[in-house]
Amino acid sequence: SGPAIRVAELRKTFRVPVRGEGLRAAAASLVRRETRDVD
């Protein structure tokens, strides 16, 4: 009597690491890893 599939304001956000280029950025990421959210 209703829909087979119903989706309402469905969201999925991934948290991904962020690191700059170069050896210094690679070393810094070992101590403190920065992340950002991606929808």
Full PDB file with SEQRES, HELIX, SHEET, SSBOND, CRYST1, ORIGX, SCALE, CONECT and MASTER records, all heavy atoms in Angstrom:
SEQRES   1 A   39  SER GLY PRO ALA ILE ARG VAL ALA GLU LEU ARG LYS THR          
SEQRES   2 A   39  PHE ARG VAL PRO VAL ARG GLY GLU GLY LEU ARG ALA ALA          
SEQRES   3 A   39  ALA ALA SER LEU VAL ARG ARG GLU THR ARG ASP VAL ASP          
HELIX    1 AA1 LEU A   23  VAL A   31  1                                   9    
SHEET    1 AA1 2 PHE A  14  VAL A  18  0                                        
SHEET    2 AA1 2 GLU A  34  VAL A  38 -1                                        
CRYST1    1.000    1.000    1.000  90.00  90.00  90.00 P 1           1          
ORIGX1      1.000000  0.000000  0.000000        0.00000                         
ORIGX2      0.000000  1.000000  0.000000        0.00000                         
ORIGX3      0.000000  0.000000  1.000000        0.00000                         
SCALE1      1.000000  0.000000  0.000000        0.00000                         
SCALE2      0.000000  1.000000  0.000000        0.00000                         
SCALE3      0.000000  0.000000  1.000000        0.00000                         
ATOM      1  N   SER A   1       0.810  -1.198   0.000  1.00  0.00           N  
ATOM      2  CA  SER A   1       0.000   0.000   0.000  1.00  0.00           C  
ATOM      3  C   SER A   1       0.855   1.264   0.000  1.00  0.00           C  
ATOM      4  O   SER A   1       0.369   2.351  -0.298  1.00  0.00           O  
ATOM      5  CB  SER A   1      -0.925   0.010   1.225  1.00  0.00           C  
ATOM      6  OG  SER A   1      -0.165  -0.048   2.419  1.00  0.00           O  
ATOM      7  N   GLY A   2       2.131   1.152   0.361  1.00  0.00           N  
ATOM      8  CA  GLY A   2       3.032   2.291   0.389  1.00  0.00           C  
ATOM      9  C   GLY A   2       4.188   2.087  -0.557  1.00  0.00           C  
ATOM     10  O   GLY A   2       4.254   1.106  -1.298  1.00  0.00           O  
ATOM     11  N   PRO A   3       5.131   3.031  -0.548  1.00  0.00           N  
ATOM     12  CA  PRO A   3       6.286   2.901  -1.439  1.00  0.00           C  
ATOM     13  C   PRO A   3       7.176   1.726  -1.056  1.00  0.00           C  
ATOM     14  O   PRO A   3       7.304   1.395   0.128  1.00  0.00           O  
ATOM     15  CB  PRO A   3       7.015   4.238  -1.262  1.00  0.00           C  
ATOM     16  CG  PRO A   3       6.597   4.730   0.081  1.00  0.00           C  
ATOM     17  CD  PRO A   3       5.186   4.252   0.269  1.00  0.00           C  
ATOM     18  N   ALA A   4       7.791   1.114  -2.055  1.00  0.00           N  
ATOM     19  CA  ALA A   4       8.759   0.055  -1.778  1.00  0.00           C  
ATOM     20  C   ALA A   4      10.034   0.639  -1.183  1.00  0.00           C  
ATOM     21  O   ALA A   4      10.670   0.034  -0.315  1.00  0.00           O  
ATOM     22  CB  ALA A   4       9.077  -0.715  -3.054  1.00  0.00           C  
ATOM     23  N   ILE A   5      10.404   1.830  -1.661  1.00  0.00           N  
ATOM     24  CA  ILE A   5      11.587   2.535  -1.159  1.00  0.00           C  
ATOM     25  C   ILE A   5      11.183   3.962  -0.821  1.00  0.00           C  
ATOM     26  O   ILE A   5      10.546   4.643  -1.628  1.00  0.00           O  
ATOM     27  CB  ILE A   5      12.718   2.549  -2.206  1.00  0.00           C  
ATOM     28  CG1 ILE A   5      13.147   1.122  -2.574  1.00  0.00           C  
ATOM     29  CG2 ILE A   5      13.914   3.358  -1.709  1.00  0.00           C  
ATOM     30  CD1 ILE A   5      14.111   1.060  -3.745  1.00  0.00           C  
ATOM     31  N   ARG A   6      11.537   4.375   0.366  1.00  0.00           N  
ATOM     32  CA  ARG A   6      11.246   5.750   0.779  1.00  0.00           C  
ATOM     33  C   ARG A   6      12.506   6.358   1.385  1.00  0.00           C  
ATOM     34  O   ARG A   6      13.123   5.778   2.277  1.00  0.00           O  
ATOM     35  CB  ARG A   6      10.111   5.793   1.807  1.00  0.00           C  
ATOM     36  CG  ARG A   6       9.788   7.191   2.318  1.00  0.00           C  
ATOM     37  CD  ARG A   6       8.649   7.178   3.330  1.00  0.00           C  
ATOM     38  NE  ARG A   6       8.417   8.499   3.860  1.00  0.00           N  
ATOM     39  CZ  ARG A   6       9.060   9.009   4.915  1.00  0.00           C  
ATOM     40  NH1 ARG A   6       9.973   8.281   5.543  1.00  0.00           N  
ATOM     41  NH2 ARG A   6       8.796  10.236   5.336  1.00  0.00           N  
ATOM     42  N   VAL A   7      12.889   7.522   0.882  1.00  0.00           N  
ATOM     43  CA  VAL A   7      14.081   8.227   1.348  1.00  0.00           C  
ATOM     44  C   VAL A   7      13.676   9.655   1.692  1.00  0.00           C  
ATOM     45  O   VAL A   7      13.042  10.328   0.880  1.00  0.00           O  
ATOM     46  CB  VAL A   7      15.180   8.237   0.262  1.00  0.00           C  
ATOM     47  CG1 VAL A   7      16.349   9.105   0.689  1.00  0.00           C  
ATOM     48  CG2 VAL A   7      15.650   6.825  -0.029  1.00  0.00           C  
ATOM     49  N   ALA A   8      14.025  10.102   2.891  1.00  0.00           N  
ATOM     50  CA  ALA A   8      13.665  11.445   3.334  1.00  0.00           C  
ATOM     51  C   ALA A   8      14.881  12.129   3.949  1.00  0.00           C  
ATOM     52  O   ALA A   8      15.362  11.724   5.009  1.00  0.00           O  
ATOM     53  CB  ALA A   8      12.516  11.387   4.351  1.00  0.00           C  
ATOM     54  N   GLU A   9      15.387  13.144   3.256  1.00  0.00           N  
ATOM     55  CA  GLU A   9      16.524  13.940   3.738  1.00  0.00           C  
ATOM     56  C   GLU A   9      17.705  13.062   4.151  1.00  0.00           C  
ATOM     57  O   GLU A   9      18.363  13.296   5.166  1.00  0.00           O  
ATOM     58  CB  GLU A   9      16.093  14.837   4.906  1.00  0.00           C  
ATOM     59  CG  GLU A   9      15.161  15.961   4.521  1.00  0.00           C  
ATOM     60  CD  GLU A   9      15.807  16.932   3.517  1.00  0.00           C  
ATOM     61  OE1 GLU A   9      17.001  17.253   3.703  1.00  0.00           O  
ATOM     62  OE2 GLU A   9      15.135  17.336   2.569  1.00  0.00           O  
ATOM     63  N   LEU A  10      17.968  12.049   3.349  1.00  0.00           N  
ATOM     64  CA  LEU A  10      19.036  11.103   3.661  1.00  0.00           C  
ATOM     65  C   LEU A  10      20.394  11.773   3.466  1.00  0.00           C  
ATOM     66  O   LEU A  10      20.635  12.435   2.459  1.00  0.00           O  
ATOM     67  CB  LEU A  10      18.918   9.879   2.763  1.00  0.00           C  
ATOM     68  CG  LEU A  10      19.777   8.665   3.127  1.00  0.00           C  
ATOM     69  CD1 LEU A  10      19.362   8.099   4.479  1.00  0.00           C  
ATOM     70  CD2 LEU A  10      19.669   7.598   2.045  1.00  0.00           C  
ATOM     71  N   ARG A  11      21.278  11.559   4.436  1.00  0.00           N  
ATOM     72  CA  ARG A  11      22.599  12.174   4.398  1.00  0.00           C  
ATOM     73  C   ARG A  11      23.673  11.153   4.763  1.00  0.00           C  
ATOM     74  O   ARG A  11      23.438  10.249   5.566  1.00  0.00           O  
ATOM     75  CB  ARG A  11      22.700  13.360   5.378  1.00  0.00           C  
ATOM     76  CG  ARG A  11      21.638  14.418   5.222  1.00  0.00           C  
ATOM     77  CD  ARG A  11      21.840  15.544   6.224  1.00  0.00           C  
ATOM     78  NE  ARG A  11      23.063  16.278   5.922  1.00  0.00           N  
ATOM     79  CZ  ARG A  11      23.127  17.327   5.107  1.00  0.00           C  
ATOM     80  NH1 ARG A  11      22.029  17.765   4.509  1.00  0.00           N  
ATOM     81  NH2 ARG A  11      24.272  17.938   4.877  1.00  0.00           N  
ATOM     82  N   LYS A  12      24.845  11.330   4.171  1.00  0.00           N  
ATOM     83  CA  LYS A  12      26.008  10.547   4.571  1.00  0.00           C  
ATOM     84  C   LYS A  12      27.238  11.434   4.494  1.00  0.00           C  
ATOM     85  O   LYS A  12      27.571  11.977   3.432  1.00  0.00           O  
ATOM     86  CB  LYS A  12      26.197   9.316   3.675  1.00  0.00           C  
ATOM     87  CG  LYS A  12      27.392   8.441   4.095  1.00  0.00           C  
ATOM     88  CD  LYS A  12      27.235   7.878   5.494  1.00  0.00           C  
ATOM     89  CE  LYS A  12      28.422   7.037   5.904  1.00  0.00           C  
ATOM     90  NZ  LYS A  12      28.280   6.522   7.291  1.00  0.00           N  
ATOM     91  N   THR A  13      27.897  11.591   5.636  1.00  0.00           N  
ATOM     92  CA  THR A  13      29.085  12.417   5.727  1.00  0.00           C  
ATOM     93  C   THR A  13      30.270  11.549   6.114  1.00  0.00           C  
ATOM     94  O   THR A  13      30.196  10.774   7.070  1.00  0.00           O  
ATOM     95  CB  THR A  13      28.903  13.531   6.767  1.00  0.00           C  
ATOM     96  OG1 THR A  13      27.772  14.337   6.413  1.00  0.00           O  
ATOM     97  CG2 THR A  13      30.140  14.417   6.842  1.00  0.00           C  
ATOM     98  N   PHE A  14      31.353  11.664   5.348  1.00  0.00           N  
ATOM     99  CA  PHE A  14      32.582  10.956   5.648  1.00  0.00           C  
ATOM    100  C   PHE A  14      33.596  11.925   6.241  1.00  0.00           C  
ATOM    101  O   PHE A  14      33.695  13.082   5.806  1.00  0.00           O  
ATOM    102  CB  PHE A  14      33.177  10.318   4.381  1.00  0.00           C  
ATOM    103  CG  PHE A  14      32.362   9.203   3.812  1.00  0.00           C  
ATOM    104  CD1 PHE A  14      31.520   9.414   2.728  1.00  0.00           C  
ATOM    105  CD2 PHE A  14      32.435   7.925   4.349  1.00  0.00           C  
ATOM    106  CE1 PHE A  14      30.776   8.378   2.193  1.00  0.00           C  
ATOM    107  CE2 PHE A  14      31.692   6.886   3.822  1.00  0.00           C  
ATOM    108  CZ  PHE A  14      30.859   7.111   2.750  1.00  0.00           C  
ATOM    109  N   ARG A  15      34.347  11.459   7.211  1.00  0.00           N  
ATOM    110  CA  ARG A  15      35.451  12.248   7.757  1.00  0.00           C  
ATOM    111  C   ARG A  15      36.738  11.764   7.106  1.00  0.00           C  
ATOM    112  O   ARG A  15      37.129  10.609   7.262  1.00  0.00           O  
ATOM    113  CB  ARG A  15      35.507  12.107   9.277  1.00  0.00           C  
ATOM    114  CG  ARG A  15      36.629  12.884   9.938  1.00  0.00           C  
ATOM    115  CD  ARG A  15      36.354  13.089  11.399  1.00  0.00           C  
ATOM    116  NE  ARG A  15      35.203  13.964  11.589  1.00  0.00           N  
ATOM    117  CZ  ARG A  15      34.709  14.281  12.784  1.00  0.00           C  
ATOM    118  NH1 ARG A  15      35.253  13.779  13.883  1.00  0.00           N  
ATOM    119  NH2 ARG A  15      33.660  15.089  12.873  1.00  0.00           N  
ATOM    120  N   VAL A  16      37.390  12.649   6.387  1.00  0.00           N  
ATOM    121  CA  VAL A  16      38.569  12.265   5.616  1.00  0.00           C  
ATOM    122  C   VAL A  16      39.782  13.045   6.107  1.00  0.00           C  
ATOM    123  O   VAL A  16      39.671  14.198   6.548  1.00  0.00           O  
ATOM    124  CB  VAL A  16      38.365  12.521   4.110  1.00  0.00           C  
ATOM    125  CG1 VAL A  16      37.214  11.694   3.583  1.00  0.00           C  
ATOM    126  CG2 VAL A  16      38.113  14.001   3.834  1.00  0.00           C  
ATOM    127  N   PRO A  17      40.977  12.434   6.077  1.00  0.00           N  
ATOM    128  CA  PRO A  17      42.181  13.133   6.530  1.00  0.00           C  
ATOM    129  C   PRO A  17      42.613  14.211   5.551  1.00  0.00           C  
ATOM    130  O   PRO A  17      42.402  14.101   4.346  1.00  0.00           O  
ATOM    131  CB  PRO A  17      43.220  12.014   6.623  1.00  0.00           C  
ATOM    132  CG  PRO A  17      42.748  10.980   5.659  1.00  0.00           C  
ATOM    133  CD  PRO A  17      41.250  11.048   5.692  1.00  0.00           C  
ATOM    134  N   VAL A  18      43.222  15.251   6.081  1.00  0.00           N  
ATOM    135  CA  VAL A  18      43.740  16.349   5.270  1.00  0.00           C  
ATOM    136  C   VAL A  18      45.224  16.501   5.584  1.00  0.00           C  
ATOM    137  O   VAL A  18      45.620  16.590   6.754  1.00  0.00           O  
ATOM    138  CB  VAL A  18      43.013  17.668   5.584  1.00  0.00           C  
ATOM    139  CG1 VAL A  18      43.615  18.813   4.777  1.00  0.00           C  
ATOM    140  CG2 VAL A  18      41.522  17.539   5.304  1.00  0.00           C  
ATOM    141  N   ARG A  19      46.047  16.517   4.551  1.00  0.00           N  
ATOM    142  CA  ARG A  19      47.480  16.687   4.763  1.00  0.00           C  
ATOM    143  C   ARG A  19      48.066  17.478   3.608  1.00  0.00           C  
ATOM    144  O   ARG A  19      47.743  17.244   2.451  1.00  0.00           O  
ATOM    145  CB  ARG A  19      48.188  15.325   4.860  1.00  0.00           C  
ATOM    146  CG  ARG A  19      49.686  15.446   5.125  1.00  0.00           C  
ATOM    147  CD  ARG A  19      50.327  14.082   5.333  1.00  0.00           C  
ATOM    148  NE  ARG A  19      50.357  13.275   4.133  1.00  0.00           N  
ATOM    149  CZ  ARG A  19      51.276  13.416   3.168  1.00  0.00           C  
ATOM    150  NH1 ARG A  19      52.189  14.364   3.239  1.00  0.00           N  
ATOM    151  NH2 ARG A  19      51.243  12.604   2.128  1.00  0.00           N  
ATOM    152  N   GLY A  20      48.909  18.434   3.932  1.00  0.00           N  
ATOM    153  CA  GLY A  20      49.570  19.223   2.914  1.00  0.00           C  
ATOM    154  C   GLY A  20      50.691  18.444   2.249  1.00  0.00           C  
ATOM    155  O   GLY A  20      51.024  17.318   2.637  1.00  0.00           O  
ATOM    156  N   GLU A  21      51.307  19.069   1.264  1.00  0.00           N  
ATOM    157  CA  GLU A  21      52.394  18.425   0.535  1.00  0.00           C  
ATOM    158  C   GLU A  21      53.714  18.591   1.286  1.00  0.00           C  
ATOM    159  O   GLU A  21      53.914  19.507   2.080  1.00  0.00           O  
ATOM    160  CB  GLU A  21      52.516  19.031  -0.862  1.00  0.00           C  
ATOM    161  CG  GLU A  21      51.282  18.843  -1.728  1.00  0.00           C  
ATOM    162  CD  GLU A  21      51.444  19.477  -3.090  1.00  0.00           C  
ATOM    163  OE1 GLU A  21      52.507  20.101  -3.324  1.00  0.00           O  
ATOM    164  OE2 GLU A  21      50.535  19.360  -3.909  1.00  0.00           O  
ATOM    165  N   GLY A  22      54.607  17.668   1.045  1.00  0.00           N  
ATOM    166  CA  GLY A  22      55.956  17.804   1.564  1.00  0.00           C  
ATOM    167  C   GLY A  22      56.217  16.989   2.805  1.00  0.00           C  
ATOM    168  O   GLY A  22      55.309  16.494   3.474  1.00  0.00           O  
ATOM    169  N   LEU A  23      57.507  16.853   3.129  1.00  0.00           N  
ATOM    170  CA  LEU A  23      57.949  16.043   4.252  1.00  0.00           C  
ATOM    171  C   LEU A  23      57.503  16.621   5.580  1.00  0.00           C  
ATOM    172  O   LEU A  23      57.102  15.890   6.492  1.00  0.00           O  
ATOM    173  CB  LEU A  23      59.483  15.922   4.219  1.00  0.00           C  
ATOM    174  CG  LEU A  23      60.115  15.040   5.292  1.00  0.00           C  
ATOM    175  CD1 LEU A  23      59.586  13.619   5.199  1.00  0.00           C  
ATOM    176  CD2 LEU A  23      61.630  15.075   5.167  1.00  0.00           C  
ATOM    177  N   ARG A  24      57.531  17.946   5.707  1.00  0.00           N  
ATOM    178  CA  ARG A  24      57.126  18.572   6.966  1.00  0.00           C  
ATOM    179  C   ARG A  24      55.663  18.292   7.278  1.00  0.00           C  
ATOM    180  O   ARG A  24      55.301  17.978   8.411  1.00  0.00           O  
ATOM    181  CB  ARG A  24      57.368  20.075   6.907  1.00  0.00           C  
ATOM    182  CG  ARG A  24      56.938  20.818   8.171  1.00  0.00           C  
ATOM    183  CD  ARG A  24      57.328  22.273   8.116  1.00  0.00           C  
ATOM    184  NE  ARG A  24      58.787  22.428   8.094  1.00  0.00           N  
ATOM    185  CZ  ARG A  24      59.406  23.608   8.048  1.00  0.00           C  
ATOM    186  NH1 ARG A  24      58.691  24.728   8.013  1.00  0.00           N  
ATOM    187  NH2 ARG A  24      60.721  23.676   8.039  1.00  0.00           N  
ATOM    188  N   ALA A  25      54.817  18.400   6.270  1.00  0.00           N  
ATOM    189  CA  ALA A  25      53.392  18.127   6.469  1.00  0.00           C  
ATOM    190  C   ALA A  25      53.173  16.662   6.825  1.00  0.00           C  
ATOM    191  O   ALA A  25      52.321  16.339   7.658  1.00  0.00           O  
ATOM    192  CB  ALA A  25      52.605  18.497   5.210  1.00  0.00           C  
ATOM    193  N   ALA A  26      53.950  15.761   6.211  1.00  0.00           N  
ATOM    194  CA  ALA A  26      53.812  14.344   6.517  1.00  0.00           C  
ATOM    195  C   ALA A  26      54.196  14.067   7.955  1.00  0.00           C  
ATOM    196  O   ALA A  26      53.540  13.296   8.665  1.00  0.00           O  
ATOM    197  CB  ALA A  26      54.672  13.518   5.561  1.00  0.00           C  
ATOM    198  N   ALA A  27      55.288  14.708   8.433  1.00  0.00           N  
ATOM    199  CA  ALA A  27      55.714  14.511   9.811  1.00  0.00           C  
ATOM    200  C   ALA A  27      54.696  15.082  10.790  1.00  0.00           C  
ATOM    201  O   ALA A  27      54.395  14.481  11.834  1.00  0.00           O  
ATOM    202  CB  ALA A  27      57.087  15.159  10.016  1.00  0.00           C  
ATOM    203  N   ALA A  28      54.147  16.254  10.461  1.00  0.00           N  
ATOM    204  CA  ALA A  28      53.154  16.879  11.348  1.00  0.00           C  
ATOM    205  C   ALA A  28      51.907  16.022  11.471  1.00  0.00           C  
ATOM    206  O   ALA A  28      51.281  15.956  12.538  1.00  0.00           O  
ATOM    207  CB  ALA A  28      52.803  18.264  10.814  1.00  0.00           C  
ATOM    208  N   SER A  29      51.532  15.338  10.380  1.00  0.00           N  
ATOM    209  CA  SER A  29      50.319  14.523  10.415  1.00  0.00           C  
ATOM    210  C   SER A  29      50.475  13.314  11.322  1.00  0.00           C  
ATOM    211  O   SER A  29      49.482  12.740  11.780  1.00  0.00           O  
ATOM    212  CB  SER A  29      49.947  14.064   8.997  1.00  0.00           C  
ATOM    213  OG  SER A  29      50.897  13.137   8.497  1.00  0.00           O  
ATOM    214  N   LEU A  30      51.721  12.909  11.597  1.00  0.00           N  
ATOM    215  CA  LEU A  30      51.935  11.799  12.518  1.00  0.00           C  
ATOM    216  C   LEU A  30      51.620  12.194  13.952  1.00  0.00           C  
ATOM    217  O   LEU A  30      51.227  11.363  14.773  1.00  0.00           O  
ATOM    218  CB  LEU A  30      53.388  11.318  12.428  1.00  0.00           C  
ATOM    219  CG  LEU A  30      53.815  10.707  11.093  1.00  0.00           C  
ATOM    220  CD1 LEU A  30      55.309  10.388  11.123  1.00  0.00           C  
ATOM    221  CD2 LEU A  30      53.001   9.455  10.787  1.00  0.00           C  
ATOM    222  N   VAL A  31      51.795  13.478  14.250  1.00  0.00           N  
ATOM    223  CA  VAL A  31      51.546  13.983  15.601  1.00  0.00           C  
ATOM    224  C   VAL A  31      50.101  14.429  15.766  1.00  0.00           C  
ATOM    225  O   VAL A  31      49.433  14.109  16.743  1.00  0.00           O  
ATOM    226  CB  VAL A  31      52.497  15.154  15.919  1.00  0.00           C  
ATOM    227  CG1 VAL A  31      52.225  15.701  17.330  1.00  0.00           C  
ATOM    228  CG2 VAL A  31      53.940  14.714  15.776  1.00  0.00           C  
ATOM    229  N   ARG A  32      49.632  15.170  14.782  1.00  0.00           N  
ATOM    230  CA  ARG A  32      48.261  15.697  14.856  1.00  0.00           C  
ATOM    231  C   ARG A  32      47.623  15.588  13.477  1.00  0.00           C  
ATOM    232  O   ARG A  32      47.994  16.326  12.569  1.00  0.00           O  
ATOM    233  CB  ARG A  32      48.273  17.145  15.325  1.00  0.00           C  
ATOM    234  CG  ARG A  32      46.884  17.743  15.446  1.00  0.00           C  
ATOM    235  CD  ARG A  32      46.954  19.188  15.902  1.00  0.00           C  
ATOM    236  NE  ARG A  32      45.632  19.784  15.975  1.00  0.00           N  
ATOM    237  CZ  ARG A  32      45.395  21.058  16.282  1.00  0.00           C  
ATOM    238  NH1 ARG A  32      46.421  21.871  16.542  1.00  0.00           N  
ATOM    239  NH2 ARG A  32      44.170  21.524  16.326  1.00  0.00           N  
ATOM    240  N   ARG A  33      46.701  14.695  13.351  1.00  0.00           N  
ATOM    241  CA  ARG A  33      46.044  14.489  12.058  1.00  0.00           C  
ATOM    242  C   ARG A  33      44.832  15.403  11.942  1.00  0.00           C  
ATOM    243  O   ARG A  33      43.955  15.394  12.813  1.00  0.00           O  
ATOM    244  CB  ARG A  33      45.612  13.035  11.899  1.00  0.00           C  
ATOM    245  CG  ARG A  33      44.746  12.784  10.673  1.00  0.00           C  
ATOM    246  CD  ARG A  33      44.600  11.313  10.363  1.00  0.00           C  
ATOM    247  NE  ARG A  33      45.853  10.746   9.892  1.00  0.00           N  
ATOM    248  CZ  ARG A  33      45.951   9.515   9.386  1.00  0.00           C  
ATOM    249  NH1 ARG A  33      44.885   8.744   9.310  1.00  0.00           N  
ATOM    250  NH2 ARG A  33      47.118   9.067   8.977  1.00  0.00           N  
ATOM    251  N   GLU A  34      44.804  16.159  10.876  1.00  0.00           N  
ATOM    252  CA  GLU A  34      43.666  17.028  10.608  1.00  0.00           C  
ATOM    253  C   GLU A  34      42.682  16.299   9.691  1.00  0.00           C  
ATOM    254  O   GLU A  34      43.082  15.531   8.810  1.00  0.00           O  
ATOM    255  CB  GLU A  34      44.126  18.326   9.951  1.00  0.00           C  
ATOM    256  CG  GLU A  34      45.007  19.181  10.835  1.00  0.00           C  
ATOM    257  CD  GLU A  34      45.355  20.498  10.173  1.00  0.00           C  
ATOM    258  OE1 GLU A  34      44.780  20.787   9.094  1.00  0.00           O  
ATOM    259  OE2 GLU A  34      46.203  21.231  10.721  1.00  0.00           O  
ATOM    260  N   THR A  35      41.422  16.567   9.911  1.00  0.00           N  
ATOM    261  CA  THR A  35      40.372  15.954   9.088  1.00  0.00           C  
ATOM    262  C   THR A  35      39.361  17.009   8.672  1.00  0.00           C  
ATOM    263  O   THR A  35      39.318  18.115   9.230  1.00  0.00           O  
ATOM    264  CB  THR A  35      39.637  14.834   9.851  1.00  0.00           C  
ATOM    265  OG1 THR A  35      38.991  15.402  11.004  1.00  0.00           O  
ATOM    266  CG2 THR A  35      40.595  13.739  10.286  1.00  0.00           C  
ATOM    267  N   ARG A  36      38.557  16.633   7.697  1.00  0.00           N  
ATOM    268  CA  ARG A  36      37.420  17.472   7.305  1.00  0.00           C  
ATOM    269  C   ARG A  36      36.257  16.577   6.940  1.00  0.00           C  
ATOM    270  O   ARG A  36      36.437  15.405   6.593  1.00  0.00           O  
ATOM    271  CB  ARG A  36      37.778  18.369   6.119  1.00  0.00           C  
ATOM    272  CG  ARG A  36      38.052  17.638   4.815  1.00  0.00           C  
ATOM    273  CD  ARG A  36      38.547  18.597   3.750  1.00  0.00           C  
ATOM    274  NE  ARG A  36      38.876  17.906   2.509  1.00  0.00           N  
ATOM    275  CZ  ARG A  36      38.056  17.840   1.457  1.00  0.00           C  
ATOM    276  NH1 ARG A  36      36.868  18.420   1.495  1.00  0.00           N  
ATOM    277  NH2 ARG A  36      38.424  17.180   0.362  1.00  0.00           N  
ATOM    278  N   ASP A  37      35.073  17.133   7.034  1.00  0.00           N  
ATOM    279  CA  ASP A  37      33.863  16.387   6.704  1.00  0.00           C  
ATOM    280  C   ASP A  37      33.505  16.592   5.240  1.00  0.00           C  
ATOM    281  O   ASP A  37      33.532  17.723   4.730  1.00  0.00           O  
ATOM    282  CB  ASP A  37      32.691  16.840   7.582  1.00  0.00           C  
ATOM    283  CG  ASP A  37      32.868  16.409   9.033  1.00  0.00           C  
ATOM    284  OD1 ASP A  37      33.656  15.472   9.272  1.00  0.00           O  
ATOM    285  OD2 ASP A  37      32.224  17.002   9.916  1.00  0.00           O  
ATOM    286  N   VAL A  38      33.184  15.504   4.581  1.00  0.00           N  
ATOM    287  CA  VAL A  38      32.781  15.545   3.173  1.00  0.00           C  
ATOM    288  C   VAL A  38      31.392  14.932   3.048  1.00  0.00           C  
ATOM    289  O   VAL A  38      31.167  13.792   3.457  1.00  0.00           O  
ATOM    290  CB  VAL A  38      33.776  14.768   2.281  1.00  0.00           C  
ATOM    291  CG1 VAL A  38      33.277  14.724   0.845  1.00  0.00           C  
ATOM    292  CG2 VAL A  38      35.147  15.411   2.337  1.00  0.00           C  
ATOM    293  N   ASP A  39      30.467  15.702   2.511  1.00  0.00           N  
ATOM    294  CA  ASP A  39      29.097  15.220   2.314  1.00  0.00           C  
ATOM    295  C   ASP A  39      29.010  14.432   1.014  1.00  0.00           C  
ATOM    296  O   ASP A  39      29.056  15.007  -0.073  1.00  0.00           O  
ATOM    297  CB  ASP A  39      28.108  16.384   2.268  1.00  0.00           C  
ATOM    298  CG  ASP A  39      27.962  17.075   3.609  1.00  0.00           C  
ATOM    299  OD1 ASP A  39      28.133  16.385   4.627  1.00  0.00           O  
ATOM    300  OD2 ASP A  39      27.691  18.282   3.631  1.00  0.00           O  
TER     301      ASP A  39                                                      
MASTER        0    0    0    1    2    0    0    6  300    1    0    3          
END                                                                             
